[in-house]
Structure formats: structure tokens, C-alpha cells
Amino acid sequence: MDRKMANRKLIRLSQLKSKLATENLEEIDWVTFGVIVKKVTPQSSNNGRTFSIWRLNDLRDLNQCVSLFLFGDVHKEHWKTDQGTV
């Protein structure tokens, strides 16, 4: 993990909103981790394509969640991922 994180900045999901407001994250190599705390049943968009919505949290602040929308091949590959997965 130390090798994978070398020269990268860890930003916790609960800090993401404030970091986006104060830093230009496009200019740095950063990473975040999240736990799937809620999954919405896959839904269909207006064009008939299926997608998933996951709510992610870093388990630091359970009131600060990030919604992740999965479309296309990402949805097809990961929609069965279990709640609680990191």
C-alpha cells in the first residue's frame, strides 16, 4: 500500500467537499476510499439504459456521504458488489 500511495494525497470522503472548495484537485494526484453504505436498486434512465447508485462513506462522519452513479460497462461489471465493500 505504501508503494501504491507514494506521491499521492489521501483525501477522506468526509473532507472531499471542503477540499474541492479550497484546492485545485485536478493538479494533484489524490486518492480516496469509501465503503458502500447503501445501494439503490438498479434503475432505468429515460433512454432505457440501466444504472446503479451507491452511497459511499469513509466511516468517519456518517452524515457525510457521496453518491456514486454507475453507468454502462462500469454498471454491468460492478452492480452486484455487496453493500459494505470498500
N, C-alpha and C. Protein backbone atom coordinates (compact mmCIF):
# COMPACT_ATOMS: atom_id res chain seq x y z
N MET A 1 0.83 -1.19 0.00
CA MET A 1 0.00 0.00 0.00
C MET A 1 0.87 1.26 0.00
N ASP A 2 1.98 1.21 0.73
CA ASP A 2 2.88 2.37 0.74
C ASP A 2 3.38 2.69 -0.67
N ARG A 3 3.68 1.65 -1.45
CA ARG A 3 4.17 1.86 -2.81
C ARG A 3 3.08 2.45 -3.68
N LYS A 4 1.86 1.97 -3.55
CA LYS A 4 0.73 2.48 -4.34
C LYS A 4 0.39 3.92 -3.98
N MET A 5 0.61 4.30 -2.74
CA MET A 5 0.25 5.64 -2.27
C MET A 5 1.39 6.65 -2.40
N ALA A 6 2.57 6.20 -2.83
CA ALA A 6 3.71 7.10 -2.95
C ALA A 6 3.36 8.27 -3.87
N ASN A 7 3.64 9.47 -3.41
CA ASN A 7 3.39 10.71 -4.16
C ASN A 7 1.92 11.01 -4.40
N ARG A 8 1.05 10.38 -3.67
CA ARG A 8 -0.39 10.65 -3.76
C ARG A 8 -0.88 11.22 -2.44
N LYS A 9 -1.93 12.01 -2.53
CA LYS A 9 -2.51 12.61 -1.33
C LYS A 9 -3.82 11.90 -1.02
N LEU A 10 -3.96 11.46 0.23
CA LEU A 10 -5.21 10.85 0.68
C LEU A 10 -6.19 11.94 1.08
N ILE A 11 -7.36 11.90 0.50
CA ILE A 11 -8.43 12.82 0.88
C ILE A 11 -9.62 11.97 1.31
N ARG A 12 -10.00 12.11 2.55
CA ARG A 12 -11.14 11.34 3.07
C ARG A 12 -12.43 11.82 2.40
N LEU A 13 -13.36 10.90 2.19
CA LEU A 13 -14.64 11.28 1.57
C LEU A 13 -15.33 12.38 2.36
N SER A 14 -15.24 12.33 3.68
CA SER A 14 -15.89 13.35 4.50
C SER A 14 -15.23 14.72 4.34
N GLN A 15 -14.03 14.78 3.78
CA GLN A 15 -13.33 16.04 3.55
C GLN A 15 -13.46 16.52 2.10
N LEU A 16 -14.00 15.71 1.23
CA LEU A 16 -13.98 15.98 -0.20
C LEU A 16 -14.64 17.30 -0.57
N LYS A 17 -15.79 17.58 -0.01
CA LYS A 17 -16.49 18.82 -0.34
C LYS A 17 -15.65 20.05 0.01
N SER A 18 -15.07 20.08 1.19
CA SER A 18 -14.27 21.24 1.58
C SER A 18 -12.98 21.32 0.78
N LYS A 19 -12.39 20.19 0.45
CA LYS A 19 -11.16 20.20 -0.36
C LYS A 19 -11.44 20.70 -1.78
N LEU A 20 -12.59 20.32 -2.35
CA LEU A 20 -12.95 20.81 -3.68
C LEU A 20 -13.12 22.32 -3.69
N ALA A 21 -13.57 22.87 -2.59
CA ALA A 21 -13.78 24.31 -2.49
C ALA A 21 -12.47 25.09 -2.29
N THR A 22 -11.47 24.45 -1.70
CA THR A 22 -10.26 25.18 -1.35
C THR A 22 -9.01 24.80 -2.14
N GLU A 23 -9.04 23.68 -2.84
CA GLU A 23 -7.85 23.21 -3.56
C GLU A 23 -8.22 22.87 -5.00
N ASN A 24 -7.25 22.99 -5.89
CA ASN A 24 -7.44 22.58 -7.27
C ASN A 24 -7.00 21.12 -7.38
N LEU A 25 -7.94 20.20 -7.19
CA LEU A 25 -7.60 18.77 -7.14
C LEU A 25 -7.19 18.21 -8.50
N GLU A 26 -7.45 18.95 -9.57
CA GLU A 26 -7.04 18.49 -10.90
C GLU A 26 -5.53 18.56 -11.07
N GLU A 27 -4.87 19.32 -10.22
CA GLU A 27 -3.43 19.50 -10.34
C GLU A 27 -2.62 18.58 -9.44
N ILE A 28 -3.29 17.77 -8.62
CA ILE A 28 -2.56 16.85 -7.75
C ILE A 28 -3.07 15.43 -7.96
N ASP A 29 -2.23 14.47 -7.61
CA ASP A 29 -2.60 13.06 -7.69
C ASP A 29 -3.16 12.67 -6.33
N TRP A 30 -4.47 12.47 -6.26
CA TRP A 30 -5.10 12.18 -4.99
C TRP A 30 -5.93 10.91 -5.09
N VAL A 31 -6.23 10.36 -3.93
CA VAL A 31 -6.99 9.12 -3.86
C VAL A 31 -7.93 9.20 -2.66
N THR A 32 -9.04 8.48 -2.77
CA THR A 32 -9.97 8.41 -1.65
C THR A 32 -10.45 6.97 -1.52
N PHE A 33 -10.96 6.63 -0.36
CA PHE A 33 -11.50 5.31 -0.10
C PHE A 33 -12.91 5.48 0.43
N GLY A 34 -13.79 4.57 0.09
CA GLY A 34 -15.14 4.63 0.61
C GLY A 34 -15.73 3.24 0.79
N VAL A 35 -16.67 3.17 1.68
CA VAL A 35 -17.41 1.94 1.94
C VAL A 35 -18.81 2.14 1.38
N ILE A 36 -19.31 1.13 0.68
CA ILE A 36 -20.68 1.21 0.18
C ILE A 36 -21.61 1.02 1.36
N VAL A 37 -22.28 2.11 1.78
CA VAL A 37 -23.17 2.03 2.93
C VAL A 37 -24.62 1.85 2.51
N LYS A 38 -24.93 2.13 1.25
CA LYS A 38 -26.29 1.93 0.75
C LYS A 38 -26.24 1.76 -0.75
N LYS A 39 -27.04 0.83 -1.24
CA LYS A 39 -27.18 0.63 -2.69
C LYS A 39 -28.66 0.78 -3.04
N VAL A 40 -28.92 1.56 -4.08
CA VAL A 40 -30.27 1.70 -4.59
C VAL A 40 -30.46 0.62 -5.65
N THR A 41 -31.63 0.01 -5.70
CA THR A 41 -31.92 -0.99 -6.72
C THR A 41 -31.65 -0.39 -8.10
N PRO A 42 -30.96 -1.13 -8.99
CA PRO A 42 -30.68 -0.59 -10.33
C PRO A 42 -31.94 -0.02 -10.98
N GLN A 43 -31.75 1.11 -11.66
CA GLN A 43 -32.86 1.82 -12.27
C GLN A 43 -32.61 2.00 -13.76
N SER A 44 -33.66 2.38 -14.50
CA SER A 44 -33.53 2.65 -15.93
C SER A 44 -33.65 4.15 -16.17
N SER A 45 -32.75 4.67 -17.01
CA SER A 45 -32.81 6.08 -17.37
C SER A 45 -33.87 6.28 -18.45
N ASN A 46 -34.11 7.52 -18.83
CA ASN A 46 -35.11 7.83 -19.86
C ASN A 46 -34.82 7.15 -21.19
N ASN A 47 -33.54 6.90 -21.47
CA ASN A 47 -33.19 6.24 -22.73
C ASN A 47 -33.18 4.72 -22.60
N GLY A 48 -33.60 4.19 -21.46
CA GLY A 48 -33.71 2.75 -21.27
C GLY A 48 -32.46 2.06 -20.77
N ARG A 49 -31.39 2.81 -20.55
CA ARG A 49 -30.15 2.20 -20.06
C ARG A 49 -30.20 2.08 -18.54
N THR A 50 -29.72 0.96 -18.04
CA THR A 50 -29.75 0.68 -16.60
C THR A 50 -28.53 1.28 -15.92
N PHE A 51 -28.73 1.78 -14.70
CA PHE A 51 -27.63 2.35 -13.91
C PHE A 51 -27.86 2.04 -12.44
N SER A 52 -26.81 2.19 -11.66
CA SER A 52 -26.87 1.97 -10.21
C SER A 52 -26.44 3.23 -9.49
N ILE A 53 -26.88 3.35 -8.25
CA ILE A 53 -26.46 4.44 -7.38
C ILE A 53 -25.97 3.82 -6.07
N TRP A 54 -24.76 4.18 -5.69
CA TRP A 54 -24.20 3.75 -4.42
C TRP A 54 -24.00 4.98 -3.55
N ARG A 55 -24.22 4.82 -2.25
CA ARG A 55 -23.87 5.87 -1.28
C ARG A 55 -22.61 5.39 -0.57
N LEU A 56 -21.58 6.22 -0.62
CA LEU A 56 -20.28 5.88 -0.05
C LEU A 56 -19.99 6.75 1.16
N ASN A 57 -19.26 6.17 2.12
CA ASN A 57 -18.89 6.89 3.33
C ASN A 57 -17.51 6.42 3.76
N ASP A 58 -16.78 7.26 4.48
CA ASP A 58 -15.45 6.86 4.97
C ASP A 58 -15.49 6.37 6.43
N LEU A 59 -16.68 6.26 6.98
CA LEU A 59 -16.93 5.79 8.35
C LEU A 59 -16.37 6.72 9.42
N ARG A 60 -15.95 7.91 9.04
CA ARG A 60 -15.53 8.94 9.99
C ARG A 60 -16.72 9.77 10.42
N ASP A 61 -17.49 10.20 9.42
CA ASP A 61 -18.66 11.06 9.67
C ASP A 61 -19.81 10.46 8.87
N LEU A 62 -20.69 9.75 9.54
CA LEU A 62 -21.76 9.02 8.86
C LEU A 62 -22.79 9.94 8.22
N ASN A 63 -22.72 11.25 8.50
CA ASN A 63 -23.62 12.21 7.86
C ASN A 63 -23.08 12.72 6.53
N GLN A 64 -21.83 12.44 6.24
CA GLN A 64 -21.18 12.91 5.01
C GLN A 64 -21.05 11.74 4.04
N CYS A 65 -21.98 11.62 3.11
CA CYS A 65 -21.94 10.56 2.11
C CYS A 65 -21.76 11.16 0.73
N VAL A 66 -21.23 10.36 -0.16
CA VAL A 66 -21.07 10.73 -1.56
C VAL A 66 -21.88 9.74 -2.38
N SER A 67 -22.67 10.24 -3.31
CA SER A 67 -23.43 9.37 -4.21
C SER A 67 -22.61 9.11 -5.44
N LEU A 68 -22.48 7.85 -5.80
CA LEU A 68 -21.73 7.44 -6.98
C LEU A 68 -22.70 6.79 -7.95
N PHE A 69 -22.79 7.33 -9.17
CA PHE A 69 -23.67 6.79 -10.20
C PHE A 69 -22.83 5.92 -11.13
N LEU A 70 -23.28 4.69 -11.36
CA LEU A 70 -22.56 3.76 -12.21
C LEU A 70 -23.36 3.53 -13.49
N PHE A 71 -22.75 3.80 -14.64
CA PHE A 71 -23.40 3.66 -15.94
C PHE A 71 -22.59 2.71 -16.82
N GLY A 72 -23.21 2.24 -17.88
CA GLY A 72 -22.52 1.49 -18.94
C GLY A 72 -21.79 0.27 -18.44
N ASP A 73 -20.56 0.09 -18.93
CA ASP A 73 -19.76 -1.09 -18.58
C ASP A 73 -19.44 -1.15 -17.09
N VAL A 74 -19.27 0.01 -16.46
CA VAL A 74 -18.99 0.03 -15.02
C VAL A 74 -20.18 -0.54 -14.26
N HIS A 75 -21.39 -0.14 -14.65
CA HIS A 75 -22.59 -0.69 -14.02
C HIS A 75 -22.66 -2.20 -14.25
N LYS A 76 -22.46 -2.63 -15.48
CA LYS A 76 -22.55 -4.06 -15.81
C LYS A 76 -21.55 -4.89 -15.01
N GLU A 77 -20.36 -4.35 -14.83
CA GLU A 77 -19.31 -5.10 -14.14
C GLU A 77 -19.47 -5.10 -12.62
N HIS A 78 -20.03 -4.02 -12.04
CA HIS A 78 -19.99 -3.87 -10.59
C HIS A 78 -21.35 -3.82 -9.88
N TRP A 79 -22.48 -3.91 -10.57
CA TRP A 79 -23.76 -3.68 -9.91
C TRP A 79 -24.06 -4.71 -8.83
N LYS A 80 -23.43 -5.87 -8.88
CA LYS A 80 -23.68 -6.89 -7.86
C LYS A 80 -22.76 -6.77 -6.65
N THR A 81 -21.88 -5.78 -6.63
CA THR A 81 -20.97 -5.59 -5.50
C THR A 81 -21.78 -5.42 -4.21
N ASP A 82 -21.36 -6.11 -3.17
CA ASP A 82 -22.10 -6.13 -1.91
C ASP A 82 -21.96 -4.82 -1.14
N GLN A 83 -23.05 -4.45 -0.47
CA GLN A 83 -23.01 -3.34 0.48
C GLN A 83 -21.99 -3.70 1.56
N GLY A 84 -21.21 -2.73 2.00
CA GLY A 84 -20.16 -2.98 2.98
C GLY A 84 -18.78 -3.16 2.36
N THR A 85 -18.74 -3.25 1.04
CA THR A 85 -17.48 -3.40 0.34
C THR A 85 -16.72 -2.08 0.33
N VAL A 86 -15.40 -2.14 0.45
CA VAL A 86 -14.56 -0.94 0.39
C VAL A 86 -14.13 -0.74 -1.05
